[in-house]
Amino acid sequence: MAVRTPIKFYYDILSPYGWFGFETLCRYQDLWNLDLQLKPMNLGKVMAASGNTPPGMNPSKASMLSRDVQRVGEMLNLPYKPLANFAQSVFIRGSVPTLKVLAACQIQHPEHMEELTRQAWLGLYSRDIDITDKENIMGFVKAAGIQDVEGLMEFSKGPETRQQLIDNTDEAIASKCFGAPWFTVTNPQSGRTEKFFGHDRVEMLGWVLGKEYKGHHPK
């Protein structure tokens, strides 16, 4: 079997565009023989380090953001629903408790990272539930098929998990990340590391790797 091409995917559950990029890459990971390495990061720290600001903070961008996200969700056939209170969910509550559990999963149960990541995004952007609430996070873990729910939750409180999240975030910052989703790949032919920002860069990734892009719903 051919060696899979590693793709480092940096994300925060707060970004709906991260969800869209994640699901698109998941649809192509077997088709293009990708090794999708999921790396939860603290988007707020990335924004601060890069000098960037969330698109919702810009009045012109904010005026079209809601409809744009809804369009992309429909285009990808994902069950996206707008948040009832975006500011409260994103800027006040944030995502750190869920990010810590994802980082814990990255260490202890990497085989469950894809589904746990998906469940967290469904919780926020399909069901509009609090992703900082312990019971809700435990629900994500159960839905991802992880047996020792309490064990993972407890591990997520420890220093190893905290350091993993810091390391993921620092990696992203070192690669000049300024938002989410952000993904990188080392071209196996040229050896050059390529960086991509945005859910709509999967087609360009295919071009870089010499793979055929077959739209949003490849068979």
C-alpha atoms as a PDB file:
ATOM      1  CA  MET A   1       0.000   0.000   0.000  1.00  0.00           C
ATOM      2  CA  ALA A   2       1.273   3.468  -0.895  1.00  0.00           C
ATOM      3  CA  VAL A   3       2.324   5.691   1.997  1.00  0.00           C
ATOM      4  CA  ARG A   4      -0.350   8.244   2.819  1.00  0.00           C
ATOM      5  CA  THR A   5       0.507  11.936   2.430  1.00  0.00           C
ATOM      6  CA  PRO A   6       0.385  13.680   5.830  1.00  0.00           C
ATOM      7  CA  ILE A   7      -1.895  16.727   6.077  1.00  0.00           C
ATOM      8  CA  LYS A   8      -1.649  18.763   9.270  1.00  0.00           C
ATOM      9  CA  PHE A   9      -5.048  20.348   9.886  1.00  0.00           C
ATOM     10  CA  TYR A  10      -5.224  23.099  12.530  1.00  0.00           C
ATOM     11  CA  TYR A  11      -8.670  24.078  13.750  1.00  0.00           C
ATOM     12  CA  ASP A  12     -10.865  25.477  16.497  1.00  0.00           C
ATOM     13  CA  ILE A  13     -14.491  24.374  16.861  1.00  0.00           C
ATOM     14  CA  LEU A  14     -15.490  28.052  16.975  1.00  0.00           C
ATOM     15  CA  SER A  15     -14.892  28.380  13.231  1.00  0.00           C
ATOM     16  CA  PRO A  16     -17.740  27.101  11.048  1.00  0.00           C
ATOM     17  CA  TYR A  17     -15.433  27.335   8.046  1.00  0.00           C
ATOM     18  CA  GLY A  18     -13.139  24.938   9.881  1.00  0.00           C
ATOM     19  CA  TRP A  19     -16.005  22.443   9.941  1.00  0.00           C
ATOM     20  CA  PHE A  20     -16.536  22.851   6.203  1.00  0.00           C
ATOM     21  CA  GLY A  21     -12.847  22.348   5.431  1.00  0.00           C
ATOM     22  CA  PHE A  22     -12.650  19.369   7.767  1.00  0.00           C
ATOM     23  CA  GLU A  23     -15.586  17.565   6.178  1.00  0.00           C
ATOM     24  CA  THR A  24     -14.305  18.240   2.671  1.00  0.00           C
ATOM     25  CA  LEU A  25     -10.868  16.841   3.514  1.00  0.00           C
ATOM     26  CA  CYS A  26     -12.477  13.817   5.158  1.00  0.00           C
ATOM     27  CA  ARG A  27     -14.314  13.129   1.894  1.00  0.00           C
ATOM     28  CA  TYR A  28     -10.986  13.116   0.044  1.00  0.00           C
ATOM     29  CA  GLN A  29      -8.683  11.402   2.534  1.00  0.00           C
ATOM     30  CA  ASP A  30      -9.126   7.910   1.078  1.00  0.00           C
ATOM     31  CA  LEU A  31      -9.561   9.062  -2.507  1.00  0.00           C
ATOM     32  CA  TRP A  32      -6.272  10.989  -2.363  1.00  0.00           C
ATOM     33  CA  ASN A  33      -4.559   8.661   0.143  1.00  0.00           C
ATOM     34  CA  LEU A  34      -4.169  11.362   2.792  1.00  0.00           C
ATOM     35  CA  ASP A  35      -3.085  10.988   6.408  1.00  0.00           C
ATOM     36  CA  LEU A  36      -5.283  13.665   8.009  1.00  0.00           C
ATOM     37  CA  GLN A  37      -3.581  14.759  11.237  1.00  0.00           C
ATOM     38  CA  LEU A  38      -6.082  16.737  13.304  1.00  0.00           C
ATOM     39  CA  LYS A  39      -4.561  19.404  15.541  1.00  0.00           C
ATOM     40  CA  PRO A  40      -6.975  21.400  17.721  1.00  0.00           C
ATOM     41  CA  MET A  41      -5.615  24.872  18.445  1.00  0.00           C
ATOM     42  CA  ASN A  42      -6.637  27.989  20.341  1.00  0.00           C
ATOM     43  CA  LEU A  43      -7.845  30.318  17.598  1.00  0.00           C
ATOM     44  CA  GLY A  44      -7.903  33.337  19.911  1.00  0.00           C
ATOM     45  CA  LYS A  45      -4.188  32.984  20.597  1.00  0.00           C
ATOM     46  CA  VAL A  46      -3.496  32.536  16.881  1.00  0.00           C
ATOM     47  CA  MET A  47      -5.456  35.703  16.094  1.00  0.00           C
ATOM     48  CA  ALA A  48      -3.558  37.646  18.750  1.00  0.00           C
ATOM     49  CA  ALA A  49      -0.158  36.370  17.614  1.00  0.00           C
ATOM     50  CA  SER A  50      -0.830  37.135  13.943  1.00  0.00           C
ATOM     51  CA  GLY A  51      -2.518  40.495  14.494  1.00  0.00           C
ATOM     52  CA  ASN A  52      -5.657  39.234  12.783  1.00  0.00           C
ATOM     53  CA  THR A  53      -9.243  39.830  13.923  1.00  0.00           C
ATOM     54  CA  PRO A  54     -12.348  37.634  13.572  1.00  0.00           C
ATOM     55  CA  PRO A  55     -14.326  38.413  10.394  1.00  0.00           C
ATOM     56  CA  GLY A  56     -17.405  39.165  12.503  1.00  0.00           C
ATOM     57  CA  MET A  57     -15.589  42.135  14.047  1.00  0.00           C
ATOM     58  CA  ASN A  58     -15.438  43.869  10.665  1.00  0.00           C
ATOM     59  CA  PRO A  59     -18.838  45.469   9.878  1.00  0.00           C
ATOM     60  CA  SER A  60     -18.540  44.887   6.128  1.00  0.00           C
ATOM     61  CA  LYS A  61     -17.566  41.244   6.549  1.00  0.00           C
ATOM     62  CA  ALA A  62     -20.161  40.716   9.276  1.00  0.00           C
ATOM     63  CA  SER A  63     -22.917  41.970   6.979  1.00  0.00           C
ATOM     64  CA  MET A  64     -22.515  38.980   4.655  1.00  0.00           C
ATOM     65  CA  LEU A  65     -21.026  36.385   7.027  1.00  0.00           C
ATOM     66  CA  SER A  66     -24.277  34.772   8.159  1.00  0.00           C
ATOM     67  CA  ARG A  67     -25.594  34.149   4.661  1.00  0.00           C
ATOM     68  CA  ASP A  68     -22.204  33.046   3.377  1.00  0.00           C
ATOM     69  CA  VAL A  69     -21.833  30.378   6.071  1.00  0.00           C
ATOM     70  CA  GLN A  70     -25.379  29.176   5.432  1.00  0.00           C
ATOM     71  CA  ARG A  71     -24.696  28.894   1.689  1.00  0.00           C
ATOM     72  CA  VAL A  72     -21.543  26.851   2.219  1.00  0.00           C
ATOM     73  CA  GLY A  73     -23.355  24.525   4.616  1.00  0.00           C
ATOM     74  CA  GLU A  74     -26.076  23.927   2.041  1.00  0.00           C
ATOM     75  CA  MET A  75     -23.537  23.440  -0.753  1.00  0.00           C
ATOM     76  CA  LEU A  76     -21.726  20.763   1.265  1.00  0.00           C
ATOM     77  CA  ASN A  77     -25.004  19.215   2.456  1.00  0.00           C
ATOM     78  CA  LEU A  78     -24.121  19.703   6.116  1.00  0.00           C
ATOM     79  CA  PRO A  79     -26.757  20.353   8.817  1.00  0.00           C
ATOM     80  CA  TYR A  80     -25.524  23.847   9.660  1.00  0.00           C
ATOM     81  CA  LYS A  81     -27.849  26.061  11.695  1.00  0.00           C
ATOM     82  CA  PRO A  82     -27.089  29.657  12.748  1.00  0.00           C
ATOM     83  CA  LEU A  83     -26.318  30.256  16.405  1.00  0.00           C
ATOM     84  CA  ALA A  84     -29.090  31.989  18.355  1.00  0.00           C
ATOM     85  CA  ASN A  85     -26.508  34.178  20.096  1.00  0.00           C
ATOM     86  CA  PHE A  86     -23.240  34.166  18.176  1.00  0.00           C
ATOM     87  CA  ALA A  87     -21.456  36.611  20.474  1.00  0.00           C
ATOM     88  CA  GLN A  88     -22.272  34.625  23.595  1.00  0.00           C
ATOM     89  CA  SER A  89     -21.366  31.251  22.097  1.00  0.00           C
ATOM     90  CA  VAL A  90     -18.144  32.331  20.390  1.00  0.00           C
ATOM     91  CA  PHE A  91     -16.737  35.347  22.212  1.00  0.00           C
ATOM     92  CA  ILE A  92     -17.988  34.766  25.767  1.00  0.00           C
ATOM     93  CA  ARG A  93     -18.149  30.984  26.208  1.00  0.00           C
ATOM     94  CA  GLY A  94     -15.471  30.056  23.713  1.00  0.00           C
ATOM     95  CA  SER A  95     -14.278  26.507  23.184  1.00  0.00           C
ATOM     96  CA  VAL A  96     -11.373  25.793  25.557  1.00  0.00           C
ATOM     97  CA  PRO A  97     -12.955  22.880  27.500  1.00  0.00           C
ATOM     98  CA  THR A  98     -13.787  21.087  24.240  1.00  0.00           C
ATOM     99  CA  LEU A  99     -10.347  21.861  22.818  1.00  0.00           C
ATOM    100  CA  LYS A 100      -8.746  20.277  25.889  1.00  0.00           C
ATOM    101  CA  VAL A 101     -10.794  17.105  25.451  1.00  0.00           C
ATOM    102  CA  LEU A 102      -9.836  17.020  21.774  1.00  0.00           C
ATOM    103  CA  ALA A 103      -6.177  17.423  22.728  1.00  0.00           C
ATOM    104  CA  ALA A 104      -6.582  14.611  25.261  1.00  0.00           C
ATOM    105  CA  CYS A 105      -8.118  12.447  22.541  1.00  0.00           C
ATOM    106  CA  GLN A 106      -5.204  13.315  20.245  1.00  0.00           C
ATOM    107  CA  ILE A 107      -2.893  11.760  22.840  1.00  0.00           C
ATOM    108  CA  GLN A 108      -4.965   8.824  24.090  1.00  0.00           C
ATOM    109  CA  HIS A 109      -7.360   7.912  21.280  1.00  0.00           C
ATOM    110  CA  PRO A 110      -6.092   9.280  17.931  1.00  0.00           C
ATOM    111  CA  GLU A 111      -8.298   6.786  16.079  1.00  0.00           C
ATOM    112  CA  HIS A 112     -11.359   8.629  17.438  1.00  0.00           C
ATOM    113  CA  MET A 113     -10.192  12.167  16.601  1.00  0.00           C
ATOM    114  CA  GLU A 114     -12.186  12.473  13.387  1.00  0.00           C
ATOM    115  CA  GLU A 115     -15.512  11.511  14.930  1.00  0.00           C
ATOM    116  CA  LEU A 116     -15.000  13.459  18.159  1.00  0.00           C
ATOM    117  CA  THR A 117     -14.130  16.545  16.132  1.00  0.00           C
ATOM    118  CA  ARG A 118     -17.261  16.041  14.027  1.00  0.00           C
ATOM    119  CA  GLN A 119     -19.486  15.595  17.070  1.00  0.00           C
ATOM    120  CA  ALA A 120     -18.172  18.806  18.621  1.00  0.00           C
ATOM    121  CA  TRP A 121     -18.922  20.783  15.461  1.00  0.00           C
ATOM    122  CA  LEU A 122     -22.379  19.245  15.208  1.00  0.00           C
ATOM    123  CA  GLY A 123     -22.998  20.218  18.811  1.00  0.00           C
ATOM    124  CA  LEU A 124     -22.161  23.868  18.210  1.00  0.00           C
ATOM    125  CA  TYR A 125     -23.219  24.546  14.644  1.00  0.00           C
ATOM    126  CA  SER A 126     -26.092  22.106  14.183  1.00  0.00           C
ATOM    127  CA  ARG A 127     -27.614  21.824  17.671  1.00  0.00           C
ATOM    128  CA  ASP A 128     -26.489  25.186  19.110  1.00  0.00           C
ATOM    129  CA  ILE A 129     -25.488  23.759  22.489  1.00  0.00           C
ATOM    130  CA  ASP A 130     -22.897  25.012  24.954  1.00  0.00           C
ATOM    131  CA  ILE A 131     -19.579  23.341  24.079  1.00  0.00           C
ATOM    132  CA  THR A 132     -18.068  24.397  27.413  1.00  0.00           C
ATOM    133  CA  ASP A 133     -20.628  22.367  29.387  1.00  0.00           C
ATOM    134  CA  LYS A 134     -19.226  19.131  30.845  1.00  0.00           C
ATOM    135  CA  GLU A 135     -22.329  17.030  30.166  1.00  0.00           C
ATOM    136  CA  ASN A 136     -22.475  18.197  26.547  1.00  0.00           C
ATOM    137  CA  ILE A 137     -18.790  17.419  26.024  1.00  0.00           C
ATOM    138  CA  MET A 138     -19.284  13.975  27.547  1.00  0.00           C
ATOM    139  CA  GLY A 139     -22.060  13.497  25.000  1.00  0.00           C
ATOM    140  CA  PHE A 140     -19.608  14.248  22.187  1.00  0.00           C
ATOM    141  CA  VAL A 141     -17.152  11.718  23.606  1.00  0.00           C
ATOM    142  CA  LYS A 142     -19.825   9.012  23.889  1.00  0.00           C
ATOM    143  CA  ALA A 143     -21.077   9.699  20.357  1.00  0.00           C
ATOM    144  CA  ALA A 144     -17.508   9.348  19.070  1.00  0.00           C
ATOM    145  CA  GLY A 145     -17.415   5.777  20.364  1.00  0.00           C
ATOM    146  CA  ILE A 146     -14.896   6.291  23.154  1.00  0.00           C
ATOM    147  CA  GLN A 147     -15.588   3.818  25.959  1.00  0.00           C
ATOM    148  CA  ASP A 148     -13.808   5.427  28.921  1.00  0.00           C
ATOM    149  CA  VAL A 149     -15.608   8.763  28.893  1.00  0.00           C
ATOM    150  CA  GLU A 150     -14.759   9.715  32.480  1.00  0.00           C
ATOM    151  CA  GLY A 151     -11.137   8.717  31.983  1.00  0.00           C
ATOM    152  CA  LEU A 152     -10.733  11.006  28.973  1.00  0.00           C
ATOM    153  CA  MET A 153     -12.504  13.867  30.736  1.00  0.00           C
ATOM    154  CA  GLU A 154     -10.193  13.526  33.727  1.00  0.00           C
ATOM    155  CA  PHE A 155      -7.089  13.288  31.529  1.00  0.00           C
ATOM    156  CA  SER A 156      -8.160  16.479  29.732  1.00  0.00           C
ATOM    157  CA  LYS A 157      -7.619  18.420  32.981  1.00  0.00           C
ATOM    158  CA  GLY A 158      -3.980  17.431  33.301  1.00  0.00           C
ATOM    159  CA  PRO A 159      -0.680  19.060  32.280  1.00  0.00           C
ATOM    160  CA  GLU A 160      -0.009  16.691  29.360  1.00  0.00           C
ATOM    161  CA  THR A 161      -3.225  17.717  27.647  1.00  0.00           C
ATOM    162  CA  ARG A 162      -2.628  21.391  28.376  1.00  0.00           C
ATOM    163  CA  GLN A 163       0.827  21.123  26.823  1.00  0.00           C
ATOM    164  CA  GLN A 164      -0.536  19.319  23.757  1.00  0.00           C
ATOM    165  CA  LEU A 165      -2.955  22.165  23.080  1.00  0.00           C
ATOM    166  CA  ILE A 166      -0.181  24.708  23.589  1.00  0.00           C
ATOM    167  CA  ASP A 167       2.106  22.763  21.251  1.00  0.00           C
ATOM    168  CA  ASN A 168      -0.576  22.553  18.541  1.00  0.00           C
ATOM    169  CA  THR A 169      -1.212  26.290  18.822  1.00  0.00           C
ATOM    170  CA  ASP A 170       2.491  27.152  18.809  1.00  0.00           C
ATOM    171  CA  GLU A 171       3.012  24.920  15.759  1.00  0.00           C
ATOM    172  CA  ALA A 172       0.276  26.778  13.929  1.00  0.00           C
ATOM    173  CA  ILE A 173       1.694  30.171  14.895  1.00  0.00           C
ATOM    174  CA  ALA A 174       5.203  29.119  13.853  1.00  0.00           C
ATOM    175  CA  SER A 175       3.834  28.190  10.416  1.00  0.00           C
ATOM    176  CA  LYS A 176       2.398  31.758  10.122  1.00  0.00           C
ATOM    177  CA  CYS A 177      -1.196  30.673  10.675  1.00  0.00           C
ATOM    178  CA  PHE A 178      -3.614  33.610  10.968  1.00  0.00           C
ATOM    179  CA  GLY A 179      -7.024  31.890  11.036  1.00  0.00           C
ATOM    180  CA  ALA A 180      -8.937  28.656  10.623  1.00  0.00           C
ATOM    181  CA  PRO A 181      -9.002  26.293   8.969  1.00  0.00           C
ATOM    182  CA  TRP A 182      -5.268  26.154   8.317  1.00  0.00           C
ATOM    183  CA  PHE A 183      -3.572  23.125   6.845  1.00  0.00           C
ATOM    184  CA  THR A 184      -0.099  22.266   5.645  1.00  0.00           C
ATOM    185  CA  VAL A 185       1.410  19.540   3.496  1.00  0.00           C
ATOM    186  CA  THR A 186       4.911  18.672   2.360  1.00  0.00           C
ATOM    187  CA  ASN A 187       4.789  17.900  -1.337  1.00  0.00           C
ATOM    188  CA  PRO A 188       6.214  14.373  -1.693  1.00  0.00           C
ATOM    189  CA  GLN A 189       7.636  15.222  -5.121  1.00  0.00           C
ATOM    190  CA  SER A 190       9.301  18.577  -4.467  1.00  0.00           C
ATOM    191  CA  GLY A 191       9.791  18.385  -0.698  1.00  0.00           C
ATOM    192  CA  ARG A 192       8.325  21.868  -0.398  1.00  0.00           C
ATOM    193  CA  THR A 193       5.887  22.609   2.449  1.00  0.00           C
ATOM    194  CA  GLU A 194       2.706  24.257   1.226  1.00  0.00           C
ATOM    195  CA  LYS A 195       0.255  26.164   3.437  1.00  0.00           C
ATOM    196  CA  PHE A 196      -3.462  26.652   2.891  1.00  0.00           C
ATOM    197  CA  PHE A 197      -6.054  28.859   4.567  1.00  0.00           C
ATOM    198  CA  GLY A 198      -9.777  28.393   4.165  1.00  0.00           C
ATOM    199  CA  HIS A 199     -12.312  25.657   3.548  1.00  0.00           C
ATOM    200  CA  ASP A 200     -12.234  26.339  -0.196  1.00  0.00           C
ATOM    201  CA  ARG A 201      -8.563  25.445  -0.713  1.00  0.00           C
ATOM    202  CA  VAL A 202      -9.027  21.683  -0.960  1.00  0.00           C
ATOM    203  CA  GLU A 203      -9.126  21.876  -4.766  1.00  0.00           C
ATOM    204  CA  MET A 204      -5.796  23.727  -4.704  1.00  0.00           C
ATOM    205  CA  LEU A 205      -4.391  21.056  -2.384  1.00  0.00           C
ATOM    206  CA  GLY A 206      -5.333  18.465  -4.983  1.00  0.00           C
ATOM    207  CA  TRP A 207      -3.575  20.453  -7.684  1.00  0.00           C
ATOM    208  CA  VAL A 208      -0.415  20.657  -5.561  1.00  0.00           C
ATOM    209  CA  LEU A 209      -0.487  16.893  -4.977  1.00  0.00           C
ATOM    210  CA  GLY A 210      -1.359  16.044  -8.581  1.00  0.00           C
ATOM    211  CA  LYS A 211      -4.769  14.652  -7.565  1.00  0.00           C
ATOM    212  CA  GLU A 212      -8.090  15.024  -9.372  1.00  0.00           C
ATOM    213  CA  TYR A 213     -10.656  17.198  -7.618  1.00  0.00           C
ATOM    214  CA  LYS A 214     -14.148  15.795  -8.063  1.00  0.00           C
ATOM    215  CA  GLY A 215     -16.266  18.497  -6.446  1.00  0.00           C
ATOM    216  CA  HIS A 216     -17.835  18.791  -3.035  1.00  0.00           C
ATOM    217  CA  HIS A 217     -19.315  15.283  -3.059  1.00  0.00           C
ATOM    218  CA  PRO A 218     -16.728  12.909  -4.573  1.00  0.00           C
ATOM    219  CA  LYS A 219     -17.708   9.284  -4.927  1.00  0.00           C
END
